[in-house]
Amino acid sequence: MARGRGDIIGFQHADSSDDRSSKPASRRKTRTRLQGAILGSAAGIAYLSFCTKEQRDSLLDILAKSKKVADKPARSRKKVYETLLETRKRGYAISRRPRRISDELSFSVPITANDRLLASLTFRCSSMAVPESEAIRNFVPKLKAVAIQIGQDFVDQHKTDALVSAPTEPPQSKAS
């Protein structure tokens, strides 16, 4: 089986001081490490399109400072914002990567829970096996349905966890 690079986008935010630090959070040194081609993948574009403005601006600032070729588009914010706006309007991101025999198509949708972005869900295929218009018609609605279900399952699990971990009060004794 051939192994390829997936649309796995990783974000890691680490605080270099421990929780007992007397420094306010705004003065602690932090570092963010990004993994994957965020602007070159459907997963990354979907994430940036549907995350909060603060997250988006922070990630784009980091990418703009990067020396990686794949991050160079972040230096042209206007063009990036146009792509992100178009993606939001469409409801999904799409990317095409050239391969030896056939281009690889990727479609990605946001997974949200209570208006909070959790992740993006991606489907990839060969453009020869599934033409773009057919993939959009047949798979994007299914991706969206699965993303909605994952988001709802997340909310339901959160509610269940809150109920299970809620403190219980001892029964009141009857005064005789």
Protein backbone atom coordinates (compact mmCIF):
# COMPACT_ATOMS: atom_id res chain seq x y z
CA MET A 1 0.00 0.00 0.00
CA ALA A 2 1.35 3.41 -0.95
CA ARG A 3 1.79 5.89 1.83
CA GLY A 4 1.06 9.54 1.24
CA ARG A 5 1.13 12.71 3.26
CA GLY A 6 -2.30 13.31 4.75
CA ASP A 7 -4.12 16.53 5.51
CA ILE A 8 -3.24 16.33 9.17
CA ILE A 9 -2.77 19.78 10.56
CA GLY A 10 -1.39 20.08 14.05
CA PHE A 11 -1.38 23.06 16.33
CA GLN A 12 0.55 22.96 19.55
CA HIS A 13 0.62 25.78 22.04
CA ALA A 14 3.00 25.40 24.95
CA ASP A 15 3.47 27.64 27.95
CA SER A 16 7.12 27.66 28.96
CA SER A 17 6.34 28.40 32.59
CA ASP A 18 4.47 26.18 35.01
CA ASP A 19 1.03 26.85 36.45
CA ARG A 20 2.50 28.13 39.73
CA SER A 21 4.20 31.07 38.06
CA SER A 22 3.57 34.43 39.64
CA LYS A 23 3.68 36.13 36.22
CA PRO A 24 0.35 37.08 34.66
CA ALA A 25 -0.57 34.95 31.64
CA SER A 26 0.04 37.87 29.29
CA ARG A 27 3.71 38.06 30.36
CA ARG A 28 4.53 34.35 30.19
CA LYS A 29 6.68 33.16 27.31
CA THR A 30 4.77 30.91 24.93
CA ARG A 31 5.56 29.17 21.70
CA THR A 32 3.32 27.81 19.01
CA ARG A 33 4.41 25.03 16.71
CA LEU A 34 2.54 24.36 13.48
CA GLN A 35 2.77 21.10 11.63
CA GLY A 36 1.54 20.52 8.10
CA ALA A 37 0.86 22.78 5.14
CA ILE A 38 -1.97 24.88 6.53
CA LEU A 39 -2.47 27.13 3.51
CA GLY A 40 -1.81 24.30 1.06
CA SER A 41 -4.44 21.90 2.32
CA ALA A 42 -8.23 21.76 2.43
CA ALA A 43 -8.07 20.92 6.14
CA GLY A 44 -5.98 24.00 6.92
CA ILE A 45 -8.08 26.32 4.77
CA ALA A 46 -11.28 24.99 6.35
CA TYR A 47 -9.84 25.47 9.82
CA LEU A 48 -8.71 29.03 9.11
CA SER A 49 -12.03 29.86 7.43
CA PHE A 50 -14.16 28.85 10.40
CA CYS A 51 -11.97 29.57 13.45
CA THR A 52 -12.23 32.77 15.46
CA LYS A 53 -10.67 35.95 14.10
CA GLU A 54 -8.14 35.94 16.95
CA GLN A 55 -7.01 32.39 16.15
CA ARG A 56 -6.90 33.10 12.42
CA ASP A 57 -4.85 36.29 12.82
CA SER A 58 -2.46 34.62 15.24
CA LEU A 59 -1.90 31.64 12.94
CA LEU A 60 -1.48 33.87 9.88
CA ASP A 61 1.06 36.02 11.76
CA ILE A 62 3.09 32.89 12.54
CA LEU A 63 2.83 31.63 8.96
CA ALA A 64 3.84 35.03 7.54
CA LYS A 65 7.08 34.89 9.55
CA SER A 66 7.86 31.34 8.44
CA LYS A 67 10.66 30.66 5.98
CA LYS A 68 8.79 27.66 4.51
CA VAL A 69 7.72 28.03 0.87
CA ALA A 70 4.28 26.56 1.65
CA ASP A 71 3.64 29.38 4.15
CA LYS A 72 4.59 32.23 1.80
CA PRO A 73 0.96 33.02 0.78
CA ALA A 74 0.31 34.19 4.37
CA ARG A 75 2.32 37.33 3.57
CA SER A 76 -0.49 38.46 1.25
CA ARG A 77 -3.37 38.76 3.72
CA LYS A 78 -5.81 40.19 1.20
CA LYS A 79 -5.55 37.15 -1.05
CA VAL A 80 -5.73 34.74 1.90
CA TYR A 81 -8.81 36.52 3.30
CA GLU A 82 -10.50 36.33 -0.12
CA THR A 83 -9.91 32.56 -0.18
CA LEU A 84 -11.19 32.17 3.39
CA LEU A 85 -14.30 34.27 2.68
CA GLU A 86 -15.05 32.23 -0.44
CA THR A 87 -14.62 29.02 1.59
CA ARG A 88 -16.99 30.24 4.32
CA LYS A 89 -19.64 31.16 1.75
CA ARG A 90 -19.30 27.78 0.04
CA GLY A 91 -19.29 25.90 3.37
CA TYR A 92 -16.29 23.73 2.57
CA ALA A 93 -12.67 23.99 1.45
CA ILE A 94 -11.21 22.35 -1.62
CA SER A 95 -7.63 21.82 -2.68
CA ARG A 96 -5.99 20.13 -5.63
CA ARG A 97 -2.48 18.71 -5.45
CA PRO A 98 -0.65 17.50 -8.54
CA ARG A 99 0.46 13.88 -8.36
CA ARG A 100 2.32 11.71 -10.87
CA ILE A 101 -0.70 10.09 -12.48
CA SER A 102 -3.73 12.01 -11.27
CA ASP A 103 -4.33 15.13 -9.19
CA GLU A 104 -5.42 14.57 -5.62
CA LEU A 105 -8.61 16.38 -4.63
CA SER A 106 -9.34 17.19 -1.00
CA PHE A 107 -12.59 18.52 0.44
CA SER A 108 -12.83 19.65 4.03
CA VAL A 109 -15.71 20.82 6.22
CA PRO A 110 -15.70 22.33 9.72
CA ILE A 111 -16.73 20.33 12.77
CA THR A 112 -18.38 22.67 15.26
CA ALA A 113 -20.06 22.30 18.62
CA ASN A 114 -22.18 25.15 19.95
CA ASP A 115 -20.64 27.57 17.41
CA ARG A 116 -17.11 26.55 18.49
CA LEU A 117 -14.75 25.10 15.90
CA LEU A 118 -13.38 21.73 16.98
CA ALA A 119 -11.64 20.46 13.84
CA SER A 120 -12.08 19.91 10.14
CA LEU A 121 -13.10 16.69 8.44
CA THR A 122 -11.49 15.86 5.10
CA PHE A 123 -12.20 13.54 2.18
CA ARG A 124 -9.47 12.90 -0.41
CA CYS A 125 -9.69 11.20 -3.79
CA SER A 126 -8.03 10.96 -7.16
CA SER A 127 -9.42 13.38 -9.72
CA MET A 128 -9.38 10.54 -12.27
CA ALA A 129 -11.40 8.25 -10.01
CA VAL A 130 -13.91 10.90 -8.94
CA PRO A 131 -14.30 14.11 -10.97
CA GLU A 132 -14.51 17.28 -8.89
CA SER A 133 -18.17 18.02 -9.67
CA GLU A 134 -19.16 14.46 -8.78
CA ALA A 135 -17.19 14.59 -5.52
CA ILE A 136 -18.87 17.86 -4.58
CA ARG A 137 -22.32 16.49 -5.38
CA ASN A 138 -21.87 13.06 -3.76
CA PHE A 139 -19.42 13.51 -0.90
CA VAL A 140 -19.54 17.07 0.42
CA PRO A 141 -23.15 16.71 1.71
CA LYS A 142 -22.14 13.46 3.44
CA LEU A 143 -19.07 15.13 4.94
CA LYS A 144 -21.24 17.94 6.27
CA ALA A 145 -23.74 15.47 7.76
CA VAL A 146 -20.97 13.52 9.49
CA ALA A 147 -19.38 16.75 10.77
CA ILE A 148 -22.73 17.85 12.23
CA GLN A 149 -23.15 14.46 13.90
CA ILE A 150 -19.62 14.56 15.37
CA GLY A 151 -20.28 18.06 16.72
CA GLN A 152 -23.58 16.95 18.27
CA ASP A 153 -21.95 13.84 19.76
CA PHE A 154 -19.29 16.11 21.28
CA VAL A 155 -21.99 18.32 22.88
CA ASP A 156 -23.93 15.29 24.13
CA GLN A 157 -20.80 13.71 25.60
CA HIS A 158 -19.91 16.98 27.30
CA LYS A 159 -23.38 17.11 28.89
CA THR A 160 -23.10 13.47 30.01
CA ASP A 161 -19.65 14.07 31.50
CA ALA A 162 -20.97 17.13 33.37
CA LEU A 163 -23.86 15.10 34.82
CA VAL A 164 -21.62 12.21 35.86
CA SER A 165 -19.03 14.45 37.50
CA ALA A 166 -21.53 16.78 39.18
CA PRO A 167 -21.37 16.64 42.98
CA THR A 168 -24.28 14.92 44.60
CA GLU A 169 -25.78 16.22 47.79
CA PRO A 170 -26.41 13.77 50.60
CA PRO A 171 -30.10 13.06 51.21
CA GLN A 172 -31.74 15.35 53.75
CA SER A 173 -32.69 13.61 56.96
CA LYS A 174 -36.25 14.02 58.24
CA ALA A 175 -36.61 15.78 61.55
CA SER A 176 -38.77 13.80 63.98
